[in-house]
Amino acid sequence: DLKQTDTSVLFRSLGRLPSASETNEDLKLLLWDYFQLRVSLQVLCNQWSKVDPEFKGLARTQIGVRILRQPIVENLFTFIASSNNNIKRITMLVDKLCSRYGQTIETSKGIFFTFPSVQTIAQDPEVEQTMKELGFGYRAKYYAKTVERLASLGDAYLENLRHVSVEIARAELMKLSGVGPKVADCVLLMSLDKADAVPVDTHIWQVAQKRYVGRLAGSGNNLEDMQLPPDKKEQIQKLARQLGSFKSPSTKAYELAQALIVTLFSPYAGWAQGMLFSDDLVDSIGLPSLA
């Protein structure tokens, strides 16, 4: 349970498994890691504003947007459920998955369930059928195949992807059933410490088009205010022009939009993407600003 004050964030544990032995200090360290508080958003925003002067506005309105360091299996399985789906239904499906396979935690605010491990799900000889009964539909076969593969590879397999390059980790994730480029990049960014991974969806595609293609692809002086070496400015302009030739998302357009944002905001391009995504949601569906 979290409560934010003007100067701090208060936390308390509402309940835990009987086998758990965490102290308050352990919980504090867990939250520090989960919210990635070692990363200073203020420092990053100052750096990004030198590259893109218009980022100063986002630094004021989206300063609370952080990339969480989420448990790998939980994040992976949730994003597999996200394709052609909405948040309400995704939440419902994940809740059903947890209540079917997870451990029970009783608290003063109700009963909750842990997210199950791969090995726990793998003990079910009829994973695909169970997932269909839970409402996962055609995705049920993705989970059955992914659980089988991960169980055979061992518990350390996903953790070890933190220690290889983005390219290798992405290729490994995409060997899993139900994992395409966007799901892989979400897991890379939010669970595998790949801060330069940039998931591209419709929102980020539109952001790249509206915010950067029109401004950077032309022959004017829009690049003069960017505090970057001349060769990087040329690279950015080239990427913007190439991206501008696409009128709708495609695999190549995905790669170009990703490359443009990485070139602009590396080595924390994924964090910049998070703020751009949040800002676009505020504009497009009227979410309240954080300012």
Protein backbone atom coordinates (compact mmCIF):
# COMPACT_ATOMS: atom_id res chain seq x y z
CA ASP A 1 0.00 0.00 0.00
CA LEU A 2 1.55 3.33 -1.08
CA LYS A 3 0.69 6.89 -0.07
CA GLN A 4 2.40 9.93 -1.54
CA THR A 5 2.95 13.10 0.50
CA ASP A 6 4.50 16.42 -0.52
CA THR A 7 7.95 15.23 0.52
CA SER A 8 7.97 11.43 0.50
CA VAL A 9 6.21 8.17 -0.32
CA LEU A 10 4.92 6.07 2.57
CA PHE A 11 4.50 2.30 2.24
CA ARG A 12 3.22 -0.64 4.24
CA SER A 13 2.75 -4.35 3.66
CA LEU A 14 -0.91 -5.39 3.78
CA GLY A 15 -0.17 -9.11 3.70
CA ARG A 16 2.43 -11.63 2.68
CA LEU A 17 2.86 -15.34 2.12
CA PRO A 18 3.44 -17.44 5.26
CA SER A 19 6.89 -18.34 3.93
CA ALA A 20 7.90 -14.69 3.43
CA SER A 21 10.36 -13.14 5.87
CA GLU A 22 10.96 -9.66 4.44
CA THR A 23 11.69 -6.80 6.84
CA ASN A 24 10.61 -3.21 6.23
CA GLU A 25 14.11 -2.52 4.95
CA ASP A 26 13.76 -5.39 2.46
CA LEU A 27 10.47 -3.91 1.23
CA LYS A 28 12.08 -0.49 0.91
CA LEU A 29 14.86 -1.95 -1.24
CA LEU A 30 12.30 -3.85 -3.32
CA LEU A 31 10.36 -0.63 -4.01
CA TRP A 32 13.59 1.25 -4.75
CA ASP A 33 14.41 -1.39 -7.35
CA TYR A 34 10.84 -1.62 -8.73
CA PHE A 35 10.58 2.13 -9.32
CA GLN A 36 14.24 2.32 -10.47
CA LEU A 37 14.86 5.27 -8.16
CA ARG A 38 18.59 5.20 -8.91
CA VAL A 39 17.68 6.82 -12.24
CA SER A 40 17.23 10.60 -11.97
CA LEU A 41 14.45 11.75 -14.28
CA GLN A 42 15.49 15.36 -13.74
CA VAL A 43 18.99 14.65 -15.05
CA LEU A 44 17.59 12.75 -18.03
CA CYS A 45 15.08 15.49 -18.87
CA ASN A 46 17.85 18.09 -18.80
CA GLN A 47 19.88 15.97 -21.23
CA TRP A 48 16.91 15.32 -23.54
CA SER A 49 15.97 19.01 -23.59
CA LYS A 50 19.39 19.80 -25.04
CA VAL A 51 18.73 17.36 -27.86
CA ASP A 52 15.08 18.35 -28.33
CA PRO A 53 14.31 21.84 -26.91
CA GLU A 54 10.59 21.06 -27.04
CA PHE A 55 11.16 18.31 -24.46
CA LYS A 56 11.24 21.01 -21.77
CA GLY A 57 7.45 21.05 -21.87
CA LEU A 58 7.28 17.30 -21.23
CA ALA A 59 9.75 17.67 -18.38
CA ARG A 60 7.16 19.83 -16.61
CA THR A 61 4.01 17.82 -17.38
CA GLN A 62 5.29 14.21 -17.44
CA ILE A 63 8.01 14.29 -14.78
CA GLY A 64 6.40 11.48 -12.75
CA VAL A 65 6.45 8.98 -15.63
CA ARG A 66 8.98 6.26 -14.79
CA ILE A 67 9.83 2.90 -16.31
CA LEU A 68 9.15 0.19 -13.73
CA ARG A 69 11.44 -2.82 -13.31
CA GLN A 70 8.75 -5.48 -13.40
CA PRO A 71 9.08 -9.24 -12.77
CA ILE A 72 10.01 -10.82 -16.08
CA VAL A 73 7.46 -13.65 -16.32
CA GLU A 74 4.60 -11.45 -15.10
CA ASN A 75 5.47 -8.76 -17.63
CA LEU A 76 5.96 -11.22 -20.49
CA PHE A 77 2.70 -13.09 -19.91
CA THR A 78 0.74 -9.86 -19.49
CA PHE A 79 2.02 -8.44 -22.78
CA ILE A 80 1.25 -11.69 -24.62
CA ALA A 81 -2.36 -11.08 -23.53
CA SER A 82 -2.24 -7.46 -24.74
CA SER A 83 -2.34 -8.03 -28.51
CA ASN A 84 -5.66 -6.83 -29.97
CA ASN A 85 -6.99 -6.31 -26.46
CA ASN A 86 -7.96 -3.53 -24.05
CA ILE A 87 -6.75 -2.74 -20.54
CA LYS A 88 -9.97 -3.83 -18.81
CA ARG A 89 -9.96 -7.24 -20.47
CA ILE A 90 -6.19 -7.72 -20.03
CA THR A 91 -6.60 -7.03 -16.30
CA MET A 92 -9.46 -9.53 -16.08
CA LEU A 93 -7.44 -12.24 -17.85
CA VAL A 94 -4.36 -11.72 -15.67
CA ASP A 95 -6.52 -11.83 -12.53
CA LYS A 96 -7.99 -15.15 -13.69
CA LEU A 97 -4.52 -16.53 -14.42
CA CYS A 98 -3.34 -15.58 -10.93
CA SER A 99 -6.42 -16.94 -9.15
CA ARG A 100 -6.07 -20.25 -11.05
CA TYR A 101 -2.34 -20.84 -10.56
CA GLY A 102 -1.12 -18.33 -7.94
CA GLN A 103 -0.79 -18.54 -4.17
CA THR A 104 -3.41 -16.88 -1.95
CA ILE A 105 -2.56 -13.80 0.12
CA GLU A 106 -5.21 -12.68 2.62
CA THR A 107 -5.11 -8.99 3.57
CA SER A 108 -7.26 -6.44 5.36
CA LYS A 109 -8.32 -5.18 1.93
CA GLY A 110 -9.34 -8.53 0.52
CA ILE A 111 -7.85 -11.68 -0.98
CA PHE A 112 -5.11 -11.41 -3.59
CA PHE A 113 -3.08 -13.95 -5.56
CA THR A 114 0.58 -14.04 -6.49
CA PHE A 115 1.60 -14.24 -10.12
CA PRO A 116 2.46 -17.91 -10.73
CA SER A 117 5.88 -19.15 -11.75
CA VAL A 118 6.48 -20.90 -15.05
CA GLN A 119 7.20 -24.14 -13.22
CA THR A 120 3.86 -23.96 -11.38
CA ILE A 121 1.90 -23.49 -14.61
CA ALA A 122 3.95 -26.23 -16.29
CA GLN A 123 2.67 -28.75 -13.74
CA ASP A 124 -0.75 -28.47 -15.40
CA PRO A 125 -0.85 -31.17 -18.13
CA GLU A 126 -3.63 -29.25 -19.92
CA VAL A 127 -2.30 -25.68 -19.96
CA GLU A 128 -3.87 -24.77 -23.30
CA GLN A 129 -7.30 -26.09 -22.32
CA THR A 130 -7.14 -24.34 -18.95
CA MET A 131 -6.22 -21.04 -20.59
CA LYS A 132 -9.13 -21.39 -23.00
CA GLU A 133 -11.48 -21.96 -20.07
CA LEU A 134 -10.09 -18.80 -18.44
CA GLY A 135 -11.00 -16.81 -21.56
CA PHE A 136 -7.64 -16.42 -23.32
CA GLY A 137 -9.07 -17.71 -26.60
CA TYR A 138 -6.58 -18.12 -29.45
CA ARG A 139 -3.80 -16.92 -27.14
CA ALA A 140 -4.12 -20.12 -25.09
CA LYS A 141 -1.82 -21.98 -27.46
CA TYR A 142 0.78 -19.21 -27.14
CA TYR A 143 0.89 -19.68 -23.38
CA ALA A 144 1.05 -23.47 -23.63
CA LYS A 145 4.02 -23.34 -26.02
CA THR A 146 5.80 -20.55 -24.14
CA VAL A 147 5.39 -22.29 -20.77
CA GLU A 148 6.72 -25.54 -22.25
CA ARG A 149 9.76 -23.80 -23.74
CA LEU A 150 10.60 -21.73 -20.66
CA ALA A 151 10.19 -24.73 -18.34
CA SER A 152 12.66 -26.70 -20.46
CA LEU A 153 15.18 -23.83 -20.53
CA GLY A 154 15.22 -23.40 -16.75
CA ASP A 155 14.57 -20.61 -14.27
CA ALA A 156 17.76 -18.68 -15.05
CA TYR A 157 17.13 -18.36 -18.79
CA LEU A 158 15.10 -15.14 -18.75
CA GLU A 159 17.24 -13.60 -16.00
CA ASN A 160 20.37 -14.21 -18.07
CA LEU A 161 18.97 -12.10 -20.91
CA ARG A 162 19.76 -9.08 -18.75
CA HIS A 163 23.43 -9.74 -19.40
CA VAL A 164 23.44 -9.95 -23.20
CA SER A 165 22.99 -7.30 -25.88
CA VAL A 166 19.60 -5.84 -26.80
CA GLU A 167 19.77 -7.57 -30.18
CA ILE A 168 20.48 -11.02 -28.74
CA ALA A 169 17.86 -10.65 -25.99
CA ARG A 170 15.23 -9.49 -28.49
CA ALA A 171 15.96 -12.43 -30.80
CA GLU A 172 15.68 -14.88 -27.90
CA LEU A 173 12.36 -13.44 -26.71
CA MET A 174 10.92 -13.59 -30.22
CA LYS A 175 11.51 -17.36 -30.24
CA LEU A 176 8.68 -17.57 -27.70
CA SER A 177 5.17 -18.16 -29.00
CA GLY A 178 3.05 -15.00 -29.06
CA VAL A 179 6.03 -12.64 -28.86
CA GLY A 180 6.54 -10.18 -31.71
CA PRO A 181 8.79 -7.10 -31.89
CA LYS A 182 6.59 -4.83 -29.74
CA VAL A 183 6.04 -7.38 -26.96
CA ALA A 184 9.75 -8.22 -26.98
CA ASP A 185 10.72 -4.56 -26.71
CA CYS A 186 8.26 -3.99 -23.84
CA VAL A 187 9.83 -6.86 -21.90
CA LEU A 188 13.35 -5.67 -22.74
CA LEU A 189 12.61 -2.17 -21.46
CA MET A 190 10.44 -2.94 -18.45
CA SER A 191 12.04 -6.13 -17.12
CA LEU A 192 15.45 -6.78 -18.67
CA ASP A 193 17.26 -3.48 -17.99
CA LYS A 194 17.48 -2.50 -21.67
CA ALA A 195 16.89 1.24 -21.24
CA ASP A 196 17.45 1.84 -24.96
CA ALA A 197 14.68 -0.54 -26.06
CA VAL A 198 11.85 1.46 -27.65
CA PRO A 199 8.48 -0.28 -28.12
CA VAL A 200 6.62 1.30 -31.05
CA ASP A 201 2.83 1.20 -31.20
CA THR A 202 0.27 3.45 -32.87
CA HIS A 203 0.83 6.22 -30.33
CA ILE A 204 4.62 6.28 -30.73
CA TRP A 205 4.29 6.00 -34.52
CA GLN A 206 2.07 9.11 -34.47
CA VAL A 207 4.43 10.92 -32.08
CA ALA A 208 7.40 10.25 -34.37
CA GLN A 209 5.44 11.51 -37.36
CA LYS A 210 3.93 14.60 -35.74
CA ARG A 211 6.77 15.63 -33.46
CA TYR A 212 9.87 14.80 -35.47
CA VAL A 213 9.32 13.97 -39.14
CA GLY A 214 7.81 17.30 -40.14
CA ARG A 215 10.27 19.28 -38.05
CA LEU A 216 13.49 17.40 -38.79
CA ALA A 217 13.07 15.99 -42.29
CA GLY A 218 13.10 19.36 -44.09
CA SER A 219 16.03 21.47 -45.19
CA GLY A 220 15.39 24.32 -42.73
CA ASN A 221 17.23 25.20 -39.54
CA ASN A 222 15.21 23.06 -37.15
CA LEU A 223 18.30 21.04 -36.24
CA GLU A 224 20.38 24.05 -35.20
CA ASP A 225 19.01 24.12 -31.64
CA MET A 226 19.88 20.46 -31.12
CA GLN A 227 23.10 20.11 -29.14
CA LEU A 228 24.47 17.18 -31.12
CA PRO A 229 27.53 16.54 -33.31
CA PRO A 230 27.00 17.33 -37.03
CA ASP A 231 27.21 13.66 -38.05
CA LYS A 232 24.46 12.70 -35.60
CA LYS A 233 22.27 15.55 -36.87
CA GLU A 234 22.72 14.21 -40.40
CA GLN A 235 21.79 10.73 -39.20
CA ILE A 236 18.65 12.05 -37.49
CA GLN A 237 17.60 14.02 -40.57
CA LYS A 238 18.11 10.96 -42.77
CA LEU A 239 16.01 8.78 -40.46
CA ALA A 240 13.26 11.43 -40.32
CA ARG A 241 13.13 11.65 -44.11
CA GLN A 242 13.00 7.87 -44.48
CA LEU A 243 10.26 7.62 -41.87
CA GLY A 244 8.32 10.40 -43.58
CA SER A 245 8.01 8.28 -46.72
CA PHE A 246 5.75 5.84 -44.83
CA LYS A 247 2.09 6.79 -44.54
CA SER A 248 1.12 3.89 -42.28
CA PRO A 249 2.91 1.60 -39.78
CA SER A 250 4.88 -1.36 -41.13
CA THR A 251 7.84 -3.46 -40.02
CA LYS A 252 10.30 -1.10 -41.71
CA ALA A 253 8.51 1.98 -40.36
CA TYR A 254 8.64 0.43 -36.87
CA GLU A 255 12.41 0.02 -37.19
CA LEU A 256 12.87 3.59 -38.46
CA ALA A 257 10.74 5.15 -35.70
CA GLN A 258 12.64 3.11 -33.15
CA ALA A 259 16.02 4.09 -34.62
CA LEU A 260 15.06 7.78 -34.67
CA ILE A 261 14.07 7.84 -30.99
CA VAL A 262 17.16 5.83 -29.98
CA THR A 263 19.44 8.18 -31.93
CA LEU A 264 17.83 11.19 -30.28
CA PHE A 265 17.66 9.99 -26.68
CA SER A 266 20.14 7.13 -26.11
CA PRO A 267 21.18 5.66 -23.69
CA TYR A 268 17.75 6.02 -22.03
CA ALA A 269 15.63 6.21 -25.16
CA GLY A 270 13.03 3.83 -23.72
CA TRP A 271 12.46 6.20 -20.80
CA ALA A 272 12.03 9.13 -23.19
CA GLN A 273 9.55 7.01 -25.14
CA GLY A 274 7.55 6.51 -21.95
CA MET A 275 7.16 10.25 -21.46
CA LEU A 276 6.31 10.79 -25.14
CA PHE A 277 3.70 8.01 -24.92
CA SER A 278 2.13 9.50 -21.79
CA ASP A 279 2.05 12.97 -23.33
CA ASP A 280 0.32 11.64 -26.43
CA LEU A 281 -2.32 9.90 -24.29
CA VAL A 282 -2.97 13.14 -22.41
CA ASP A 283 -3.56 14.91 -25.72
CA SER A 284 -5.47 12.19 -27.54
CA ILE A 285 -7.92 10.92 -24.91
CA GLY A 286 -7.94 13.74 -22.41
CA LEU A 287 -6.10 12.16 -19.50
CA PRO A 288 -5.17 14.65 -16.76
CA SER A 289 -1.70 16.17 -16.92
CA LEU A 290 0.75 15.46 -14.10
CA ALA A 291 1.71 19.14 -13.91
